[in-house]
Amino acid sequence: MSEYNDPLSQVNVSEDKKNQTILNFPVMPQNLQKEVDQPKENNIQLSKDVQEMWDLIPCYQIHGLFILAPIKNGILLIDQHAAHERVLYEQALEDIRRGRSASQQLLFPVVLELSLTERAVINSGVQYFTAFGFEISDFGGNALSVSAIPAFLKNGAIEDTIRGIIKYLLEGKDPELFLEPEKRFAAAFACGAAIKAGQKLSQEEMNALLNSLFSTKNPYICPHGRPTLVRMSVEELSRRFLR
């Protein structure tokens, strides 16, 4: 278990914007998690050779929401946000366990003006933000200075990502799934920093996402229990076309 204490207490809601990330996905280590994250029998289990060849598979982005990947005897449709959430959630838990993620120092720190409530959320979980790769310090009043960010994050996404994390925590989403504070903050980070609907991905980014997804302990569901992908066999596709 993590040595961190439960931080969140009194809070209300703030605004959020769309987030963007640049995708340089890590390979996930194994990590113990809650029931929704335990590996389960899944009828879309893929063969080992398929899981090891994502760099060679052409992928196609659909409406900035899904990734289409042809596989042997069928196709996969991957929800890009849910898939990235799974990757970031497992990585965040590992970063909390180890105490620090890889980060990049900013040439010019970013200053965020926050409400009292938003500032309280940051202060209550500063050790988690540090573990995720942020370096955050006081800038006077309710302002905070961000001088380092997670290695994969774009400079232009800093404020949106942090506000997204704060908003998730204030809304108290899925409390029954994330009773432990480290898991709440990991889920908030994954949601705030993950690829968003409408974000364009290159071929390399799509392949990297699939590589990272299938390196996680439980690639078939996001941290909240929603599916990350759907498989359709050639037989099912043929039936749809009355073949």
Protein backbone atom coordinates (compact mmCIF):
# COMPACT_ATOMS: atom_id res chain seq x y z
CA MET A 1 0.00 0.00 0.00
CA SER A 2 1.07 3.58 -0.62
CA GLU A 3 2.35 5.66 2.27
CA TYR A 4 0.34 8.70 1.16
CA ASN A 5 -2.52 9.90 3.33
CA ASP A 6 -6.01 10.66 2.06
CA PRO A 7 -5.98 14.34 1.06
CA LEU A 8 -9.35 15.36 -0.42
CA SER A 9 -11.92 16.85 1.90
CA GLN A 10 -13.94 20.01 1.24
CA VAL A 11 -14.33 21.06 -2.37
CA ASN A 12 -16.74 22.32 -5.06
CA VAL A 13 -16.57 22.48 -8.86
CA SER A 14 -14.46 24.46 -11.37
CA GLU A 15 -14.33 24.83 -15.16
CA ASP A 16 -12.41 22.60 -17.57
CA LYS A 17 -11.08 22.79 -21.13
CA LYS A 18 -10.08 20.22 -23.70
CA ASN A 19 -6.70 18.65 -23.18
CA GLN A 20 -4.03 17.65 -25.64
CA THR A 21 -1.03 15.40 -25.26
CA ILE A 22 1.94 14.38 -27.32
CA LEU A 23 2.19 10.63 -27.31
CA ASN A 24 5.44 9.10 -26.15
CA PHE A 25 4.01 6.12 -24.34
CA PRO A 26 5.91 4.17 -21.68
CA VAL A 27 5.69 0.40 -21.34
CA MET A 28 3.66 -0.34 -18.24
CA PRO A 29 5.06 -2.35 -15.33
CA GLN A 30 2.78 -4.68 -13.40
CA ASN A 31 0.96 -3.20 -10.40
CA LEU A 32 -1.68 -4.33 -7.92
CA GLN A 33 -5.02 -2.60 -8.32
CA LYS A 34 -8.66 -2.69 -7.32
CA GLU A 35 -11.29 -5.17 -8.43
CA VAL A 36 -12.24 -3.28 -11.60
CA ASP A 37 -8.55 -3.43 -12.60
CA GLN A 38 -7.94 -7.10 -11.93
CA PRO A 39 -7.24 -9.16 -15.09
CA LYS A 40 -10.37 -11.00 -16.16
CA GLU A 41 -11.25 -13.57 -18.77
CA ASN A 42 -12.14 -11.64 -21.91
CA ASN A 43 -13.63 -12.87 -25.14
CA ILE A 44 -11.46 -10.43 -27.09
CA GLN A 45 -8.14 -11.84 -25.96
CA LEU A 46 -5.63 -11.50 -28.78
CA SER A 47 -2.93 -13.93 -29.82
CA LYS A 48 0.61 -13.17 -28.68
CA ASP A 49 1.89 -12.58 -32.21
CA VAL A 50 -0.76 -9.90 -32.81
CA GLN A 51 0.08 -8.09 -29.57
CA GLU A 52 3.78 -7.98 -30.44
CA MET A 53 3.41 -6.56 -33.98
CA TRP A 54 1.57 -3.25 -33.56
CA ASP A 55 4.42 -1.29 -35.15
CA LEU A 56 3.80 -3.22 -38.38
CA ILE A 57 0.01 -2.83 -38.46
CA PRO A 58 -1.48 0.13 -40.37
CA CYS A 59 -3.99 1.96 -38.19
CA TYR A 60 -6.70 4.44 -39.18
CA GLN A 61 -8.25 7.17 -37.05
CA ILE A 62 -12.02 7.53 -37.31
CA HIS A 63 -13.68 10.91 -36.55
CA GLY A 64 -10.94 11.78 -34.06
CA LEU A 65 -12.49 9.26 -31.66
CA PHE A 66 -11.53 5.71 -32.56
CA ILE A 67 -8.61 3.79 -34.02
CA LEU A 68 -9.29 1.05 -36.55
CA ALA A 69 -6.69 -1.71 -36.64
CA PRO A 70 -6.91 -4.74 -38.94
CA ILE A 71 -5.86 -7.98 -37.26
CA LYS A 72 -5.85 -11.62 -38.30
CA ASN A 73 -9.44 -12.78 -38.91
CA GLY A 74 -11.01 -9.41 -38.07
CA ILE A 75 -10.64 -5.81 -36.96
CA LEU A 76 -10.27 -3.90 -33.71
CA LEU A 77 -11.95 -0.59 -32.90
CA ILE A 78 -10.14 1.18 -30.06
CA ASP A 79 -11.50 4.13 -28.08
CA GLN A 80 -8.46 6.42 -28.08
CA HIS A 81 -9.37 8.25 -24.86
CA ALA A 82 -10.26 5.13 -22.87
CA ALA A 83 -7.13 3.34 -24.10
CA HIS A 84 -4.86 6.21 -23.12
CA GLU A 85 -6.62 6.47 -19.74
CA ARG A 86 -5.74 2.83 -19.03
CA VAL A 87 -2.09 3.43 -19.96
CA LEU A 88 -1.79 6.59 -17.85
CA TYR A 89 -3.68 5.13 -14.88
CA GLU A 90 -1.35 2.17 -14.50
CA GLN A 91 1.69 4.37 -15.05
CA ALA A 92 0.44 6.88 -12.45
CA LEU A 93 0.03 4.15 -9.82
CA GLU A 94 3.54 2.93 -10.53
CA ASP A 95 4.87 6.50 -10.32
CA ILE A 96 3.21 6.92 -6.90
CA ARG A 97 4.79 3.67 -5.74
CA ARG A 98 8.24 4.73 -6.99
CA GLY A 99 7.81 8.35 -5.91
CA ARG A 100 8.55 10.16 -9.17
CA SER A 101 7.81 10.04 -12.91
CA ALA A 102 10.04 11.23 -15.72
CA SER A 103 9.51 14.96 -16.23
CA GLN A 104 10.65 17.83 -18.41
CA GLN A 105 11.78 21.17 -17.03
CA LEU A 106 10.11 24.24 -18.52
CA LEU A 107 12.25 27.09 -19.81
CA PHE A 108 9.56 29.50 -18.64
CA PRO A 109 7.33 28.39 -15.75
CA VAL A 110 3.58 28.53 -16.31
CA VAL A 111 1.59 30.52 -13.74
CA LEU A 112 -1.96 29.40 -12.95
CA GLU A 113 -4.52 31.64 -11.25
CA LEU A 114 -6.80 29.39 -9.22
CA SER A 115 -9.80 29.77 -6.97
CA LEU A 116 -9.50 29.02 -3.25
CA THR A 117 -11.15 25.65 -3.83
CA GLU A 118 -8.88 24.73 -6.74
CA ARG A 119 -5.82 25.77 -4.75
CA ALA A 120 -6.98 23.59 -1.85
CA VAL A 121 -7.20 20.56 -4.17
CA ILE A 122 -3.64 21.08 -5.38
CA ASN A 123 -2.32 21.58 -1.86
CA SER A 124 -4.10 18.48 -0.59
CA GLY A 125 -2.44 16.24 -3.17
CA VAL A 126 0.84 17.96 -4.01
CA GLN A 127 2.76 14.73 -3.38
CA TYR A 128 0.72 13.02 -6.09
CA PHE A 129 1.28 15.82 -8.60
CA THR A 130 5.00 15.53 -7.83
CA ALA A 131 4.89 11.77 -8.38
CA PHE A 132 3.23 12.32 -11.78
CA GLY A 133 6.09 14.60 -12.90
CA PHE A 134 4.82 18.09 -12.03
CA GLU A 135 6.85 20.62 -10.06
CA ILE A 136 4.43 23.12 -8.53
CA SER A 137 5.30 25.98 -6.18
CA ASP A 138 3.56 28.95 -4.59
CA PHE A 139 3.42 32.17 -6.64
CA GLY A 140 1.53 34.38 -4.20
CA GLY A 141 -2.18 34.61 -3.48
CA ASN A 142 -3.99 31.72 -5.11
CA ALA A 143 -1.49 31.53 -7.97
CA LEU A 144 0.81 28.58 -8.54
CA SER A 145 3.92 28.25 -10.68
CA VAL A 146 4.48 25.06 -12.72
CA SER A 147 8.17 24.59 -13.55
CA ALA A 148 8.17 20.93 -14.67
CA ILE A 149 5.61 18.63 -16.29
CA PRO A 150 5.31 14.92 -17.18
CA ALA A 151 7.69 14.00 -19.97
CA PHE A 152 4.93 13.13 -22.48
CA LEU A 153 2.87 16.31 -21.98
CA LYS A 154 2.83 19.20 -24.44
CA ASN A 155 3.67 22.63 -23.07
CA GLY A 156 0.41 23.99 -24.44
CA ALA A 157 -1.63 21.41 -22.53
CA ILE A 158 -0.35 22.24 -19.04
CA GLU A 159 -3.18 24.43 -17.76
CA ASP A 160 -5.90 22.33 -19.38
CA THR A 161 -4.46 19.13 -17.91
CA ILE A 162 -4.13 20.48 -14.37
CA ARG A 163 -7.60 22.02 -14.45
CA GLY A 164 -8.96 18.74 -15.81
CA ILE A 165 -7.42 16.86 -12.88
CA ILE A 166 -8.87 19.35 -10.42
CA LYS A 167 -12.32 19.17 -12.02
CA TYR A 168 -12.32 15.36 -11.89
CA LEU A 169 -11.45 15.39 -8.19
CA LEU A 170 -14.04 18.03 -7.36
CA GLU A 171 -16.76 16.10 -9.12
CA GLY A 172 -15.90 12.97 -7.13
CA LYS A 173 -16.41 10.58 -10.05
CA ASP A 174 -16.80 6.84 -9.36
CA PRO A 175 -16.02 7.05 -5.62
CA GLU A 176 -16.83 3.36 -5.11
CA LEU A 177 -14.04 2.40 -7.54
CA PHE A 178 -11.37 4.67 -6.09
CA LEU A 179 -11.61 4.51 -2.31
CA GLU A 180 -7.86 4.84 -1.86
CA PRO A 181 -6.56 8.40 -2.40
CA GLU A 182 -3.69 7.27 -4.64
CA LYS A 183 -6.17 5.61 -6.98
CA ARG A 184 -8.42 8.69 -7.03
CA PHE A 185 -5.51 10.91 -7.98
CA ALA A 186 -4.22 8.37 -10.51
CA ALA A 187 -7.68 8.20 -12.14
CA ALA A 188 -7.94 12.01 -12.14
CA PHE A 189 -4.50 12.33 -13.76
CA ALA A 190 -5.35 9.70 -16.37
CA CYS A 191 -8.62 11.43 -17.27
CA GLY A 192 -7.14 14.93 -17.34
CA ALA A 193 -4.02 14.06 -19.33
CA ALA A 194 -5.42 11.45 -21.74
CA ILE A 195 -6.04 12.04 -25.43
CA LYS A 196 -9.35 13.79 -25.98
CA ALA A 197 -12.08 13.39 -28.58
CA GLY A 198 -11.12 15.19 -31.77
CA GLN A 199 -7.38 15.01 -31.20
CA LYS A 200 -5.60 13.98 -34.38
CA LEU A 201 -3.04 11.19 -34.12
CA SER A 202 -0.25 10.23 -36.50
CA GLN A 203 0.36 6.66 -37.60
CA GLU A 204 3.31 6.45 -35.20
CA GLU A 205 1.21 7.76 -32.31
CA MET A 206 -1.56 5.25 -32.96
CA ASN A 207 0.93 2.38 -33.11
CA ALA A 208 2.62 3.63 -29.93
CA LEU A 209 -0.72 3.82 -28.13
CA LEU A 210 -1.59 0.24 -29.05
CA ASN A 211 1.87 -0.96 -27.99
CA SER A 212 1.45 0.72 -24.62
CA LEU A 213 -2.15 -0.41 -24.18
CA PHE A 214 -1.25 -4.08 -24.66
CA SER A 215 1.67 -3.70 -22.27
CA THR A 216 -0.75 -2.87 -19.43
CA LYS A 217 -2.08 -5.43 -17.00
CA ASN A 218 -5.68 -5.00 -18.10
CA PRO A 219 -5.88 -3.52 -21.63
CA TYR A 220 -9.54 -4.32 -22.22
CA ILE A 221 -11.18 -1.77 -19.88
CA CYS A 222 -10.44 1.78 -18.78
CA PRO A 223 -10.02 2.56 -15.05
CA HIS A 224 -13.77 3.17 -14.77
CA GLY A 225 -14.72 -0.20 -16.24
CA ARG A 226 -15.66 0.90 -19.76
CA PRO A 227 -14.33 -1.13 -22.70
CA THR A 228 -11.26 0.20 -24.46
CA LEU A 229 -11.81 -1.82 -27.63
CA VAL A 230 -14.27 -3.88 -29.63
CA ARG A 231 -13.32 -6.78 -31.88
CA MET A 232 -15.27 -7.79 -34.97
CA SER A 233 -14.41 -11.03 -36.73
CA VAL A 234 -14.39 -11.49 -40.49
CA GLU A 235 -17.37 -13.84 -40.01
CA GLU A 236 -19.35 -11.14 -38.22
CA LEU A 237 -18.50 -8.57 -40.88
CA SER A 238 -19.57 -11.03 -43.58
CA ARG A 239 -22.90 -11.58 -41.84
CA ARG A 240 -23.50 -7.83 -41.73
CA PHE A 241 -23.14 -7.77 -45.50
CA LEU A 242 -25.37 -10.87 -45.90
CA ARG A 243 -22.52 -12.87 -47.39
